[in-house]
Amino acid sequence: MSIHATPELQAYWKENLFIIFYHLAIWFTVAYLCGIVFADQLDAYRIGGFPLGFWFANQGSLVIFVVLIWTYVWRLNALDKKYDVYET
């Protein structure tokens, strides 16, 4: 086995890292920016009777995180099949 990655393996990891970065950017935006930094501006709006900044900090983050997990698994399964490295 070669210690050097093949071009196909390098392409796989490049796409994998893009998917990870994309999901981490969404996570950062929801958890930090919406829940903390822009909470005062978001509090001008209400969802379910609660200020939107409060909702993002307490409920919205959890909902978004679960959706991120599902989309990450779905996208990685598709990537594994594309590069024929999926588990059977």
Protein backbone atom coordinates (compact mmCIF):
# COMPACT_ATOMS: atom_id res chain seq x y z
CA MET A 1 0.00 0.00 0.00
CA SER A 2 1.37 3.37 -0.98
CA ILE A 3 1.69 6.11 1.60
CA HIS A 4 0.81 8.68 -1.05
CA ALA A 5 -2.83 9.43 -1.71
CA THR A 6 -4.17 8.78 -5.17
CA PRO A 7 -5.74 11.69 -7.08
CA GLU A 8 -9.16 10.11 -6.55
CA LEU A 9 -8.60 9.94 -2.79
CA GLN A 10 -7.39 13.53 -2.73
CA ALA A 11 -10.54 14.63 -4.60
CA TYR A 12 -12.69 12.68 -2.13
CA TRP A 13 -11.08 14.41 0.86
CA LYS A 14 -11.27 17.81 -0.82
CA GLU A 15 -15.03 17.40 -1.24
CA ASN A 16 -15.33 15.96 2.26
CA LEU A 17 -13.56 18.98 3.78
CA PHE A 18 -15.80 21.34 1.80
CA ILE A 19 -18.90 19.63 3.20
CA ILE A 20 -17.47 19.85 6.73
CA PHE A 21 -16.59 23.54 6.30
CA TYR A 22 -20.06 24.30 4.88
CA HIS A 23 -21.81 22.67 7.84
CA LEU A 24 -19.50 24.31 10.38
CA ALA A 25 -20.22 27.71 8.82
CA ILE A 26 -23.96 27.15 9.23
CA TRP A 27 -23.41 25.94 12.79
CA PHE A 28 -21.35 29.04 13.64
CA THR A 29 -23.91 31.37 12.07
CA VAL A 30 -26.83 29.89 13.98
CA ALA A 31 -25.14 29.23 17.32
CA TYR A 32 -22.93 32.27 17.67
CA LEU A 33 -24.20 35.00 15.37
CA CYS A 34 -27.97 34.45 15.66
CA GLY A 35 -27.94 33.28 19.27
CA ILE A 36 -25.49 35.81 20.73
CA VAL A 37 -24.21 38.59 18.46
CA PHE A 38 -27.43 39.54 16.65
CA ALA A 39 -29.82 38.49 19.42
CA ASP A 40 -30.87 42.06 20.23
CA GLN A 41 -31.71 42.83 16.59
CA LEU A 42 -33.55 39.51 16.18
CA ASP A 43 -35.59 40.16 19.33
CA ALA A 44 -37.63 42.69 17.33
CA TYR A 45 -39.36 39.67 15.75
CA ARG A 46 -41.35 37.01 17.55
CA ILE A 47 -41.86 33.32 16.88
CA GLY A 48 -44.31 31.35 19.00
CA GLY A 49 -44.66 34.35 21.32
CA PHE A 50 -40.95 34.48 22.11
CA PRO A 51 -38.32 36.93 20.84
CA LEU A 52 -36.48 35.46 17.84
CA GLY A 53 -33.03 35.91 19.41
CA PHE A 54 -34.15 33.98 22.48
CA TRP A 55 -35.70 31.30 20.27
CA PHE A 56 -32.47 30.86 18.27
CA ALA A 57 -30.41 30.60 21.45
CA ASN A 58 -32.68 28.01 23.05
CA GLN A 59 -34.72 26.09 20.47
CA GLY A 60 -33.65 27.10 16.99
CA SER A 61 -30.07 26.02 17.51
CA LEU A 62 -31.15 22.53 18.49
CA VAL A 63 -33.45 22.18 15.49
CA ILE A 64 -30.77 23.44 13.11
CA PHE A 65 -28.15 21.12 14.65
CA VAL A 66 -30.35 18.05 14.12
CA VAL A 67 -31.01 19.12 10.52
CA LEU A 68 -27.25 19.62 10.03
CA ILE A 69 -26.56 16.09 11.26
CA TRP A 70 -29.12 14.63 8.83
CA THR A 71 -27.82 16.60 5.87
CA TYR A 72 -24.20 15.78 6.74
CA VAL A 73 -24.95 12.05 6.84
CA TRP A 74 -26.94 12.24 3.59
CA ARG A 75 -24.22 14.20 1.77
CA LEU A 76 -21.41 11.95 3.04
CA ASN A 77 -23.29 8.81 1.99
CA ALA A 78 -23.72 10.30 -1.48
CA LEU A 79 -20.02 11.22 -1.56
CA ASP A 80 -19.02 7.71 -0.47
CA LYS A 81 -21.10 6.20 -3.26
CA LYS A 82 -19.66 8.64 -5.79
CA TYR A 83 -16.11 7.54 -4.96
CA ASP A 84 -17.06 3.90 -4.31
CA VAL A 85 -15.93 3.87 -0.69
CA TYR A 86 -19.29 3.23 0.95
CA GLU A 87 -19.95 0.43 3.42
CA THR A 88 -22.38 -2.31 2.46
